[in-house]
Amino acid sequence: MDSSNSQPIDSARNTMIKTQDVEKVNRSPSTASSTNARSAELQSWAATFERMSDQRLEKQRFVPSVKKDDEISTNALGAKLERALGRRMSGQDAIFKRKDSLNEKAVEIAAS
């Protein structure tokens, strides 16, 4: 398995990033025997993902610049804010009703 071609997904940006130091993982001898099953399973998953990767498609992948990534994030935040404000303010238009003012003389006459 050629691990130099492995490209984990950066979930914050939803893009693929290249990793150079995949083999530089600290492995202690005391945990090596207890993680053999896990490492075998991880190697199986890695082999499956490598078989699924298509180099032609990876060359076509769009990788935004830092500025473009910031713009996309700002636009997404603005859209979320607009939707939230729309839900908050919908159906809350004030309807003014004229209250009858109390007239003390009218109250005294009605009470008598």
N, C-alpha and C. Protein backbone atom coordinates (compact mmCIF):
# COMPACT_ATOMS: atom_id res chain seq x y z
N MET A 1 0.85 -1.18 0.00
CA MET A 1 0.00 0.00 0.00
C MET A 1 0.88 1.23 0.00
N ASP A 2 0.67 2.15 -0.92
CA ASP A 2 1.46 3.37 -1.01
C ASP A 2 0.74 4.45 -0.23
N SER A 3 1.24 4.75 0.96
CA SER A 3 0.54 5.69 1.83
C SER A 3 0.84 7.14 1.48
N SER A 4 1.79 7.40 0.57
CA SER A 4 2.08 8.79 0.23
C SER A 4 0.98 9.39 -0.63
N ASN A 5 0.13 8.55 -1.23
CA ASN A 5 -0.98 9.06 -2.04
C ASN A 5 -2.26 9.21 -1.25
N SER A 6 -2.24 8.83 0.02
CA SER A 6 -3.48 8.92 0.80
C SER A 6 -3.80 10.38 1.06
N GLN A 7 -5.07 10.72 0.97
CA GLN A 7 -5.50 12.09 1.13
C GLN A 7 -6.71 12.13 2.04
N PRO A 8 -6.52 12.43 3.33
CA PRO A 8 -7.67 12.50 4.23
C PRO A 8 -8.52 13.72 3.93
N ILE A 9 -9.76 13.65 4.30
CA ILE A 9 -10.68 14.76 4.06
C ILE A 9 -10.59 15.73 5.22
N ASP A 10 -10.43 17.01 4.89
CA ASP A 10 -10.46 18.07 5.90
C ASP A 10 -11.92 18.46 6.05
N SER A 11 -12.56 18.01 7.13
CA SER A 11 -14.01 18.17 7.26
C SER A 11 -14.44 19.62 7.39
N ALA A 12 -13.58 20.50 7.86
CA ALA A 12 -13.96 21.90 8.00
C ALA A 12 -14.12 22.56 6.64
N ARG A 13 -13.32 22.15 5.66
CA ARG A 13 -13.38 22.78 4.35
C ARG A 13 -14.00 21.89 3.30
N ASN A 14 -14.29 20.64 3.63
CA ASN A 14 -14.86 19.68 2.68
C ASN A 14 -14.00 19.55 1.42
N THR A 15 -12.70 19.57 1.58
CA THR A 15 -11.79 19.38 0.46
C THR A 15 -10.77 18.33 0.84
N MET A 16 -10.05 17.86 -0.15
CA MET A 16 -9.01 16.87 0.11
C MET A 16 -7.69 17.59 0.35
N ILE A 17 -6.91 17.09 1.29
CA ILE A 17 -5.60 17.66 1.54
C ILE A 17 -4.56 16.56 1.42
N LYS A 18 -3.37 16.91 1.00
CA LYS A 18 -2.30 15.93 0.86
C LYS A 18 -1.55 15.82 2.18
N THR A 19 -1.20 14.60 2.53
CA THR A 19 -0.40 14.40 3.73
C THR A 19 0.94 13.82 3.32
N GLN A 20 1.99 14.33 3.89
CA GLN A 20 3.33 13.88 3.57
C GLN A 20 3.87 12.95 4.66
N ASP A 21 3.45 13.13 5.90
CA ASP A 21 4.04 12.43 7.03
C ASP A 21 3.12 11.36 7.60
N VAL A 22 2.57 10.53 6.74
CA VAL A 22 1.65 9.50 7.21
C VAL A 22 2.39 8.45 8.02
N GLU A 23 3.64 8.16 7.64
CA GLU A 23 4.39 7.10 8.30
C GLU A 23 5.01 7.54 9.63
N LYS A 24 4.93 8.82 9.96
CA LYS A 24 5.54 9.34 11.19
C LYS A 24 4.58 9.27 12.36
N VAL A 25 4.07 8.10 12.63
CA VAL A 25 3.15 7.91 13.74
C VAL A 25 3.90 7.22 14.86
N ASN A 26 3.83 7.76 16.05
CA ASN A 26 4.51 7.15 17.19
C ASN A 26 3.79 5.87 17.58
N ARG A 27 4.54 4.80 17.65
CA ARG A 27 3.97 3.52 18.05
C ARG A 27 4.78 2.99 19.22
N SER A 28 4.14 2.78 20.32
CA SER A 28 4.87 2.24 21.47
C SER A 28 4.79 0.72 21.42
N PRO A 29 5.87 0.03 21.80
CA PRO A 29 5.87 -1.44 21.73
C PRO A 29 4.84 -2.08 22.65
N SER A 30 4.47 -1.43 23.74
CA SER A 30 3.53 -2.03 24.68
C SER A 30 2.12 -2.09 24.11
N THR A 31 1.77 -1.16 23.24
CA THR A 31 0.42 -1.15 22.68
C THR A 31 0.34 -1.83 21.33
N ALA A 32 1.48 -2.20 20.76
CA ALA A 32 1.48 -2.80 19.42
C ALA A 32 0.73 -4.13 19.40
N SER A 33 0.91 -4.96 20.42
CA SER A 33 0.25 -6.26 20.42
C SER A 33 -1.25 -6.13 20.65
N SER A 34 -1.67 -5.15 21.42
CA SER A 34 -3.09 -5.00 21.71
C SER A 34 -3.85 -4.33 20.57
N THR A 35 -3.14 -3.67 19.67
CA THR A 35 -3.82 -2.97 18.58
C THR A 35 -3.64 -3.66 17.24
N ASN A 36 -3.17 -4.91 17.23
CA ASN A 36 -3.00 -5.61 15.95
C ASN A 36 -4.31 -5.74 15.20
N ALA A 37 -5.37 -6.07 15.89
CA ALA A 37 -6.68 -6.20 15.23
C ALA A 37 -7.13 -4.85 14.69
N ARG A 38 -6.93 -3.82 15.48
CA ARG A 38 -7.33 -2.48 15.03
C ARG A 38 -6.50 -2.03 13.83
N SER A 39 -5.19 -2.25 13.89
CA SER A 39 -4.35 -1.81 12.78
C SER A 39 -4.67 -2.60 11.52
N ALA A 40 -4.98 -3.88 11.66
CA ALA A 40 -5.36 -4.68 10.49
C ALA A 40 -6.65 -4.14 9.88
N GLU A 41 -7.60 -3.78 10.73
CA GLU A 41 -8.86 -3.24 10.24
C GLU A 41 -8.64 -1.88 9.57
N LEU A 42 -7.80 -1.05 10.18
CA LEU A 42 -7.50 0.26 9.58
C LEU A 42 -6.79 0.10 8.24
N GLN A 43 -5.88 -0.85 8.15
CA GLN A 43 -5.19 -1.09 6.88
C GLN A 43 -6.17 -1.58 5.82
N SER A 44 -7.13 -2.38 6.24
CA SER A 44 -8.15 -2.85 5.31
C SER A 44 -8.98 -1.69 4.79
N TRP A 45 -9.38 -0.81 5.69
CA TRP A 45 -10.14 0.38 5.28
C TRP A 45 -9.31 1.26 4.35
N ALA A 46 -8.05 1.47 4.69
CA ALA A 46 -7.18 2.32 3.87
C ALA A 46 -7.01 1.73 2.48
N ALA A 47 -6.86 0.41 2.39
CA ALA A 47 -6.73 -0.24 1.08
C ALA A 47 -8.00 -0.07 0.27
N THR A 48 -9.15 -0.18 0.92
CA THR A 48 -10.42 0.00 0.22
C THR A 48 -10.56 1.42 -0.30
N PHE A 49 -10.22 2.40 0.53
CA PHE A 49 -10.31 3.80 0.09
C PHE A 49 -9.34 4.09 -1.05
N GLU A 50 -8.17 3.48 -1.01
CA GLU A 50 -7.20 3.71 -2.09
C GLU A 50 -7.70 3.10 -3.39
N ARG A 51 -8.34 1.94 -3.33
CA ARG A 51 -8.91 1.34 -4.54
C ARG A 51 -10.02 2.21 -5.11
N MET A 52 -10.77 2.88 -4.23
CA MET A 52 -11.89 3.70 -4.67
C MET A 52 -11.43 5.03 -5.26
N SER A 53 -10.23 5.48 -4.94
CA SER A 53 -9.78 6.79 -5.42
C SER A 53 -9.47 6.71 -6.91
N ASP A 54 -9.79 7.78 -7.60
CA ASP A 54 -9.55 7.88 -9.04
C ASP A 54 -8.67 9.11 -9.26
N GLN A 55 -7.45 8.90 -9.73
CA GLN A 55 -6.50 10.00 -9.89
C GLN A 55 -7.00 11.05 -10.89
N ARG A 56 -7.71 10.63 -11.93
CA ARG A 56 -8.23 11.59 -12.90
C ARG A 56 -9.20 12.56 -12.24
N LEU A 57 -10.04 12.04 -11.35
CA LEU A 57 -11.01 12.90 -10.68
C LEU A 57 -10.34 13.78 -9.63
N GLU A 58 -9.31 13.26 -8.97
CA GLU A 58 -8.62 14.05 -7.96
C GLU A 58 -7.87 15.22 -8.57
N LYS A 59 -7.42 15.08 -9.81
CA LYS A 59 -6.75 16.19 -10.49
C LYS A 59 -7.74 17.30 -10.83
N GLN A 60 -9.00 16.97 -10.98
CA GLN A 60 -10.03 17.94 -11.32
C GLN A 60 -10.64 18.61 -10.10
N ARG A 61 -10.27 18.15 -8.93
CA ARG A 61 -10.89 18.64 -7.70
C ARG A 61 -10.62 20.13 -7.50
N PHE A 62 -11.65 20.88 -7.13
CA PHE A 62 -11.53 22.31 -6.86
C PHE A 62 -11.06 22.52 -5.43
N VAL A 63 -9.97 23.24 -5.27
CA VAL A 63 -9.45 23.57 -3.95
C VAL A 63 -9.47 25.09 -3.83
N PRO A 64 -10.37 25.64 -3.02
CA PRO A 64 -10.48 27.10 -2.92
C PRO A 64 -9.28 27.71 -2.20
N SER A 65 -8.98 28.95 -2.57
CA SER A 65 -7.92 29.67 -1.86
C SER A 65 -8.45 30.07 -0.48
N VAL A 66 -7.55 30.55 0.35
CA VAL A 66 -7.95 30.96 1.70
C VAL A 66 -8.96 32.09 1.63
N LYS A 67 -8.74 33.04 0.72
CA LYS A 67 -9.66 34.17 0.57
C LYS A 67 -11.05 33.68 0.13
N LYS A 68 -11.06 32.78 -0.85
CA LYS A 68 -12.34 32.25 -1.35
C LYS A 68 -13.04 31.43 -0.27
N ASP A 69 -12.27 30.69 0.51
CA ASP A 69 -12.85 29.91 1.61
C ASP A 69 -13.49 30.83 2.64
N ASP A 70 -12.83 31.95 2.95
CA ASP A 70 -13.40 32.93 3.88
C ASP A 70 -14.68 33.54 3.33
N GLU A 71 -14.68 33.84 2.02
CA GLU A 71 -15.89 34.39 1.39
C GLU A 71 -17.06 33.41 1.47
N ILE A 72 -16.78 32.16 1.18
CA ILE A 72 -17.83 31.13 1.23
C ILE A 72 -18.38 31.01 2.64
N SER A 73 -17.49 31.01 3.63
CA SER A 73 -17.93 30.91 5.03
C SER A 73 -18.76 32.11 5.44
N THR A 74 -18.34 33.31 5.02
CA THR A 74 -19.08 34.53 5.35
C THR A 74 -20.46 34.52 4.71
N ASN A 75 -20.53 34.11 3.45
CA ASN A 75 -21.83 34.04 2.77
C ASN A 75 -22.75 33.02 3.43
N ALA A 76 -22.21 31.89 3.83
CA ALA A 76 -23.02 30.87 4.49
C ALA A 76 -23.55 31.38 5.82
N LEU A 77 -22.70 32.07 6.58
CA LEU A 77 -23.13 32.62 7.86
C LEU A 77 -24.21 33.68 7.66
N GLY A 78 -24.04 34.53 6.64
CA GLY A 78 -25.05 35.55 6.35
C GLY A 78 -26.38 34.94 5.97
N ALA A 79 -26.35 33.86 5.18
CA ALA A 79 -27.59 33.19 4.79
C ALA A 79 -28.28 32.58 6.00
N LYS A 80 -27.51 31.97 6.89
CA LYS A 80 -28.10 31.40 8.11
C LYS A 80 -28.73 32.48 8.97
N LEU A 81 -28.06 33.61 9.07
CA LEU A 81 -28.58 34.72 9.87
C LEU A 81 -29.87 35.27 9.27
N GLU A 82 -29.91 35.42 7.95
CA GLU A 82 -31.13 35.91 7.28
C GLU A 82 -32.30 34.95 7.51
N ARG A 83 -32.04 33.65 7.41
CA ARG A 83 -33.13 32.68 7.64
C ARG A 83 -33.61 32.73 9.08
N ALA A 84 -32.67 32.86 10.02
CA ALA A 84 -33.06 32.92 11.44
C ALA A 84 -33.86 34.17 11.73
N LEU A 85 -33.43 35.31 11.19
CA LEU A 85 -34.18 36.55 11.41
C LEU A 85 -35.55 36.49 10.74
N GLY A 86 -35.63 35.85 9.59
CA GLY A 86 -36.91 35.70 8.92
C GLY A 86 -37.89 34.88 9.74
N ARG A 87 -37.40 33.81 10.35
CA ARG A 87 -38.28 33.00 11.21
C ARG A 87 -38.67 33.76 12.46
N ARG A 88 -37.74 34.54 12.99
CA ARG A 88 -38.01 35.25 14.24
C ARG A 88 -39.03 36.36 14.05
N MET A 89 -38.96 37.05 12.93
CA MET A 89 -39.80 38.23 12.74
C MET A 89 -41.09 37.93 11.97
N SER A 90 -41.25 36.76 11.45
CA SER A 90 -42.45 36.49 10.66
C SER A 90 -43.67 36.35 11.57
N GLY A 91 -44.77 36.93 11.16
CA GLY A 91 -46.01 36.82 11.91
C GLY A 91 -46.04 37.63 13.18
N GLN A 92 -45.18 38.62 13.31
CA GLN A 92 -45.15 39.40 14.53
C GLN A 92 -45.44 40.88 14.27
N ASP A 93 -46.15 41.17 13.21
CA ASP A 93 -46.50 42.56 12.94
C ASP A 93 -47.51 43.04 13.98
N ALA A 94 -47.27 44.23 14.47
CA ALA A 94 -48.12 44.78 15.53
C ALA A 94 -49.44 45.26 14.94
N ILE A 95 -50.52 44.99 15.65
CA ILE A 95 -51.84 45.49 15.28
C ILE A 95 -52.29 46.39 16.41
N PHE A 96 -52.46 47.65 16.09
CA PHE A 96 -52.83 48.61 17.12
C PHE A 96 -54.35 48.69 17.23
N LYS A 97 -54.86 48.46 18.42
CA LYS A 97 -56.29 48.58 18.69
C LYS A 97 -56.48 49.77 19.60
N ARG A 98 -57.49 50.53 19.30
CA ARG A 98 -57.76 51.72 20.11
C ARG A 98 -58.48 51.30 21.38
N LYS A 99 -57.88 51.62 22.49
CA LYS A 99 -58.51 51.30 23.76
C LYS A 99 -59.47 52.41 24.14
N ASP A 100 -60.60 52.03 24.70
CA ASP A 100 -61.54 53.03 25.18
C ASP A 100 -60.96 53.63 26.45
N SER A 101 -60.85 54.95 26.44
CA SER A 101 -60.30 55.60 27.63
C SER A 101 -61.38 55.64 28.71
N LEU A 102 -60.96 55.53 29.92
CA LEU A 102 -61.90 55.56 31.03
C LEU A 102 -62.27 57.00 31.36
N ASN A 103 -63.54 57.23 31.40
CA ASN A 103 -64.05 58.55 31.78
C ASN A 103 -64.64 58.39 33.17
N GLU A 104 -64.12 59.11 34.13
CA GLU A 104 -64.57 58.95 35.51
C GLU A 104 -66.05 59.27 35.68
N LYS A 105 -66.55 60.28 34.96
CA LYS A 105 -67.95 60.64 35.09
C LYS A 105 -68.84 59.54 34.53
N ALA A 106 -68.43 58.92 33.43
CA ALA A 106 -69.23 57.85 32.84
C ALA A 106 -69.24 56.63 33.76
N VAL A 107 -68.16 56.37 34.45
CA VAL A 107 -68.09 55.24 35.37
C VAL A 107 -69.00 55.50 36.56
N GLU A 108 -69.04 56.74 37.10
CA GLU A 108 -69.88 57.08 38.25
C GLU A 108 -71.35 56.97 37.88
N ILE A 109 -71.71 57.40 36.69
CA ILE A 109 -73.11 57.36 36.26
C ILE A 109 -73.54 55.90 36.08
N ALA A 110 -72.66 55.09 35.51
CA ALA A 110 -73.00 53.69 35.28
C ALA A 110 -73.11 52.93 36.59
N ALA A 111 -72.36 53.34 37.60
CA ALA A 111 -72.39 52.67 38.89
C ALA A 111 -73.65 53.03 39.66
N SER A 112 -74.22 54.18 39.46
CA SER A 112 -75.39 54.59 40.23
C SER A 112 -76.64 53.97 39.75
